């Protein structure tokens, strides 16, 4: 059985919530008070988190999610929990509850369990997200947005992974950057389906990125012009280019 840490919240969040006085009565609304009371009492964990963001009345005295760990690896068949116990643990997806809170680092070595794992989680507060083990794999745009929903992701290693819409269209890199405002390090593998567009480069220059790394670039890639532009627009950015 998995070793969950029920209701654990980081010290800074505890400090904030301890100063909040939770209203006893529903706020003025177009909805009747009885309906708001029903919503607070019967909301699922995911619904509760959304409600808590709208008004202090919906804040729960008990944390609505189970904190699991700060470092995960998704393999083909297991969720690998590495830091919470002296001994690394492997869990099958069906062992996990449906109200996990995930923070820290997530390494996706295989896409097999990703959507199922996401369905088990009600909140992500990731600082590091790695897809570097995947080969020619597609993940959904909705999954990517949920994984980065906290807006606090600092390191993203996409590898050769493609993020796709419901229609199967590949989402361009510049759109992915819209969901990672705190990003400091970005690593990807050159993809013949995705160009390093001018719009993408401009977003990099306007971002908080400190390190940008690209692997498996073709030999004919115009490195001089590329590096010259970045040096002019973002001189403090560390750029690493690796060629085939």
Protein backbone atom coordinates (compact mmCIF):
# COMPACT_ATOMS: atom_id res chain seq x y z
CA UNK A 1 0.00 0.00 0.00
CA UNK A 2 1.28 3.46 -0.85
CA UNK A 3 2.60 5.68 1.92
CA UNK A 4 0.70 8.96 1.53
CA UNK A 5 1.16 12.04 3.68
CA UNK A 6 -2.40 13.06 4.30
CA UNK A 7 -3.07 16.77 4.29
CA UNK A 8 0.55 17.89 4.35
CA UNK A 9 0.87 21.46 3.14
CA UNK A 10 4.05 23.46 2.74
CA UNK A 11 4.97 25.83 5.56
CA UNK A 12 4.34 28.99 3.53
CA UNK A 13 0.80 27.89 2.64
CA UNK A 14 0.08 26.97 6.26
CA UNK A 15 1.25 30.40 7.34
CA UNK A 16 -1.07 32.08 4.88
CA UNK A 17 -4.15 29.95 5.60
CA UNK A 18 -3.72 30.24 9.37
CA UNK A 19 -4.39 33.99 9.05
CA UNK A 20 -7.54 33.59 6.99
CA UNK A 21 -10.85 33.82 8.79
CA UNK A 22 -13.27 31.53 6.99
CA UNK A 23 -16.75 33.13 6.72
CA UNK A 24 -19.56 31.15 8.33
CA UNK A 25 -22.16 32.32 5.84
CA UNK A 26 -22.18 32.21 2.04
CA UNK A 27 -21.34 35.42 0.14
CA UNK A 28 -23.97 37.49 -1.60
CA UNK A 29 -24.69 35.84 -4.91
CA UNK A 30 -27.28 35.25 -7.60
CA UNK A 31 -27.43 31.72 -6.25
CA UNK A 32 -29.51 31.04 -3.11
CA UNK A 33 -27.48 30.56 0.08
CA UNK A 34 -28.70 26.97 0.40
CA UNK A 35 -27.19 26.11 -2.98
CA UNK A 36 -23.82 27.62 -2.00
CA UNK A 37 -23.88 25.64 1.24
CA UNK A 38 -24.65 22.48 -0.74
CA UNK A 39 -21.78 23.22 -3.13
CA UNK A 40 -19.30 23.61 -0.28
CA UNK A 41 -20.47 20.46 1.49
CA UNK A 42 -20.71 18.17 -1.53
CA UNK A 43 -17.99 19.39 -3.89
CA UNK A 44 -15.45 16.85 -5.08
CA UNK A 45 -11.79 17.52 -4.33
CA UNK A 46 -11.21 19.09 -7.74
CA UNK A 47 -14.36 21.17 -7.47
CA UNK A 48 -13.41 22.25 -3.94
CA UNK A 49 -10.08 23.62 -5.12
CA UNK A 50 -11.79 25.68 -7.82
CA UNK A 51 -14.35 27.00 -5.34
CA UNK A 52 -11.66 27.86 -2.79
CA UNK A 53 -10.06 30.13 -5.38
CA UNK A 54 -13.30 32.05 -5.91
CA UNK A 55 -14.22 32.95 -2.32
CA UNK A 56 -12.89 32.44 1.21
CA UNK A 57 -16.22 30.91 2.24
CA UNK A 58 -15.35 27.73 0.33
CA UNK A 59 -11.99 27.20 2.05
CA UNK A 60 -11.96 23.84 3.80
CA UNK A 61 -10.51 23.42 7.26
CA UNK A 62 -9.11 20.07 6.13
CA UNK A 63 -6.81 19.91 3.12
CA UNK A 64 -8.82 18.49 0.18
CA UNK A 65 -5.93 16.49 -1.27
CA UNK A 66 -3.36 13.92 -0.20
CA UNK A 67 0.25 15.00 -0.54
CA UNK A 68 2.22 12.12 -2.04
CA UNK A 69 5.84 12.99 -2.78
CA UNK A 70 8.29 15.48 -4.31
CA UNK A 71 9.86 13.19 -6.92
CA UNK A 72 8.13 10.76 -9.27
CA UNK A 73 9.10 8.62 -12.22
CA UNK A 74 6.41 7.18 -14.49
CA UNK A 75 7.59 3.95 -16.08
CA UNK A 76 5.66 1.72 -18.45
CA UNK A 77 3.84 -0.12 -15.67
CA UNK A 78 4.56 1.65 -12.38
CA UNK A 79 4.58 4.95 -10.53
CA UNK A 80 8.02 5.13 -8.95
CA UNK A 81 8.12 7.08 -5.70
CA UNK A 82 11.72 7.79 -4.77
CA UNK A 83 12.13 10.40 -2.03
CA UNK A 84 9.42 9.94 0.58
CA UNK A 85 10.69 6.71 2.12
CA UNK A 86 14.16 5.31 2.85
CA UNK A 87 13.46 2.68 0.24
CA UNK A 88 12.23 3.51 -3.25
CA UNK A 89 8.70 2.27 -3.87
CA UNK A 90 6.82 1.17 -6.99
CA UNK A 91 3.03 1.38 -7.18
CA UNK A 92 0.52 0.21 -9.73
CA UNK A 93 -1.81 2.94 -10.91
CA UNK A 94 -4.87 1.25 -9.40
CA UNK A 95 -3.31 1.47 -5.92
CA UNK A 96 -3.36 5.24 -5.91
CA UNK A 97 -6.29 7.31 -4.56
CA UNK A 98 -8.09 9.87 -6.68
CA UNK A 99 -7.15 13.03 -4.76
CA UNK A 100 -3.38 13.32 -4.94
CA UNK A 101 -1.49 16.60 -4.67
CA UNK A 102 1.81 16.50 -6.58
CA UNK A 103 4.77 18.86 -6.32
CA UNK A 104 8.49 18.83 -7.09
CA UNK A 105 9.75 16.77 -10.03
CA UNK A 106 7.99 14.46 -12.46
CA UNK A 107 10.01 12.31 -14.87
CA UNK A 108 7.93 10.66 -17.59
CA UNK A 109 9.86 7.70 -18.97
CA UNK A 110 6.84 6.19 -20.69
CA UNK A 111 3.53 7.72 -21.74
CA UNK A 112 1.54 4.58 -20.87
CA UNK A 113 0.41 5.78 -17.42
CA UNK A 114 0.50 9.54 -17.89
CA UNK A 115 -3.21 10.25 -18.50
CA UNK A 116 -4.25 7.78 -15.80
CA UNK A 117 -1.81 9.33 -13.33
CA UNK A 118 -3.12 12.81 -14.12
CA UNK A 119 -6.68 11.60 -13.50
CA UNK A 120 -5.60 10.60 -9.98
CA UNK A 121 -4.36 14.11 -9.19
CA UNK A 122 -6.33 17.21 -8.31
CA UNK A 123 -3.42 19.63 -8.12
CA UNK A 124 0.07 19.91 -9.64
CA UNK A 125 2.71 22.28 -8.32
CA UNK A 126 5.68 21.04 -10.33
CA UNK A 127 9.05 22.76 -10.46
CA UNK A 128 10.61 20.28 -12.90
CA UNK A 129 8.98 18.27 -15.70
CA UNK A 130 11.00 15.85 -17.84
CA UNK A 131 9.96 13.95 -20.96
CA UNK A 132 13.51 13.28 -22.09
CA UNK A 133 13.13 9.48 -22.03
CA UNK A 134 10.26 9.44 -24.48
CA UNK A 135 10.85 8.67 -28.15
CA UNK A 136 8.51 10.07 -30.80
CA UNK A 137 5.64 10.20 -28.33
CA UNK A 138 2.61 12.47 -28.36
CA UNK A 139 0.90 13.82 -25.25
CA UNK A 140 -2.30 15.81 -25.17
CA UNK A 141 -2.36 19.58 -24.84
CA UNK A 142 -4.89 19.26 -21.99
CA UNK A 143 -2.51 17.00 -20.08
CA UNK A 144 0.35 19.43 -20.61
CA UNK A 145 -1.74 22.37 -19.40
CA UNK A 146 -2.77 20.49 -16.27
CA UNK A 147 0.81 19.47 -15.49
CA UNK A 148 1.90 23.11 -15.74
CA UNK A 149 -1.26 24.61 -14.22
CA UNK A 150 0.47 26.10 -11.17
CA UNK A 151 2.48 28.42 -13.42
CA UNK A 152 5.55 27.76 -11.27
CA UNK A 153 7.42 25.29 -13.48
CA UNK A 154 11.11 26.22 -13.60
CA UNK A 155 12.62 23.41 -15.70
CA UNK A 156 11.11 21.69 -18.73
CA UNK A 157 12.82 18.96 -20.73
CA UNK A 158 10.55 18.10 -23.66
CA UNK A 159 13.01 15.81 -25.45
CA UNK A 160 11.45 14.79 -28.79
CA UNK A 161 7.90 14.80 -27.37
CA UNK A 162 5.06 16.38 -29.35
CA UNK A 163 2.16 18.05 -27.56
CA UNK A 164 -1.01 17.66 -29.63
CA UNK A 165 -4.53 19.08 -29.74
CA UNK A 166 -7.73 17.01 -29.76
CA UNK A 167 -7.57 17.09 -33.56
CA UNK A 168 -4.04 15.67 -33.56
CA UNK A 169 -2.40 18.96 -34.54
CA UNK A 170 1.03 19.56 -33.00
CA UNK A 171 1.07 22.54 -30.66
CA UNK A 172 3.95 24.92 -31.50
CA UNK A 173 6.63 25.60 -28.90
CA UNK A 174 5.61 29.23 -28.53
CA UNK A 175 2.15 28.19 -27.34
CA UNK A 176 3.68 25.92 -24.70
CA UNK A 177 5.65 28.85 -23.31
CA UNK A 178 2.36 30.62 -22.57
CA UNK A 179 1.81 28.10 -19.75
CA UNK A 180 5.28 28.33 -18.21
CA UNK A 181 5.82 31.95 -17.10
CA UNK A 182 8.36 31.02 -14.39
CA UNK A 183 10.48 28.81 -16.66
CA UNK A 184 14.24 29.12 -16.19
CA UNK A 185 15.57 26.13 -18.13
CA UNK A 186 14.23 24.68 -21.38
CA UNK A 187 15.61 21.63 -23.13
CA UNK A 188 14.30 20.00 -26.29
CA UNK A 189 15.34 17.71 -29.10
CA UNK A 190 15.19 19.13 -32.62
CA UNK A 191 11.96 18.05 -34.23
CA UNK A 192 11.40 18.04 -37.98
CA UNK A 193 7.69 18.66 -37.33
CA UNK A 194 8.37 21.75 -35.25
CA UNK A 195 10.58 24.56 -36.41
CA UNK A 196 12.36 26.98 -34.10
CA UNK A 197 10.17 29.78 -35.40
CA UNK A 198 10.87 33.49 -35.15
CA UNK A 199 7.85 33.85 -32.85
CA UNK A 200 9.24 31.14 -30.57
CA UNK A 201 12.66 32.78 -30.43
CA UNK A 202 11.08 36.15 -29.65
CA UNK A 203 9.16 34.59 -26.77
CA UNK A 204 12.37 33.08 -25.44
CA UNK A 205 13.98 36.51 -25.52
CA UNK A 206 11.05 38.02 -23.63
CA UNK A 207 10.95 35.20 -21.07
CA UNK A 208 12.74 34.56 -17.78
CA UNK A 209 14.80 31.75 -19.31
CA UNK A 210 18.38 31.41 -18.12
CA UNK A 211 19.36 28.28 -20.08
CA UNK A 212 18.18 26.98 -23.46
CA UNK A 213 19.47 23.69 -24.83
CA UNK A 214 18.70 21.89 -28.11
CA UNK A 215 19.85 18.39 -29.08
CA UNK A 216 20.21 16.62 -32.45
CA UNK A 217 20.29 19.71 -34.61
CA UNK A 218 20.93 19.07 -38.32
CA UNK A 219 24.38 20.00 -39.61
CA UNK A 220 22.92 22.66 -41.91
CA UNK A 221 21.31 24.56 -39.03
CA UNK A 222 22.35 28.21 -39.24
CA UNK A 223 23.94 28.44 -35.83
CA UNK A 224 25.80 31.73 -36.34
CA UNK A 225 22.70 33.75 -37.18
CA UNK A 226 20.70 32.01 -34.46
CA UNK A 227 23.29 32.67 -31.75
CA UNK A 228 23.92 36.23 -32.91
CA UNK A 229 20.23 37.07 -32.61
CA UNK A 230 19.97 35.59 -29.11
CA UNK A 231 23.19 37.30 -28.02
CA UNK A 232 21.76 40.64 -29.09
CA UNK A 233 18.26 40.22 -27.68
CA UNK A 234 19.04 38.18 -24.54
CA UNK A 235 22.78 38.38 -23.80
CA UNK A 236 22.61 36.63 -20.42
CA UNK A 237 20.92 33.52 -21.80
CA UNK A 238 23.09 30.42 -21.77
CA UNK A 239 22.59 28.56 -25.06
CA UNK A 240 23.81 25.01 -25.71
CA UNK A 241 23.48 23.53 -29.20
CA UNK A 242 24.21 19.86 -29.90
CA UNK A 243 24.47 18.56 -33.45
CA UNK A 244 24.01 15.10 -34.88
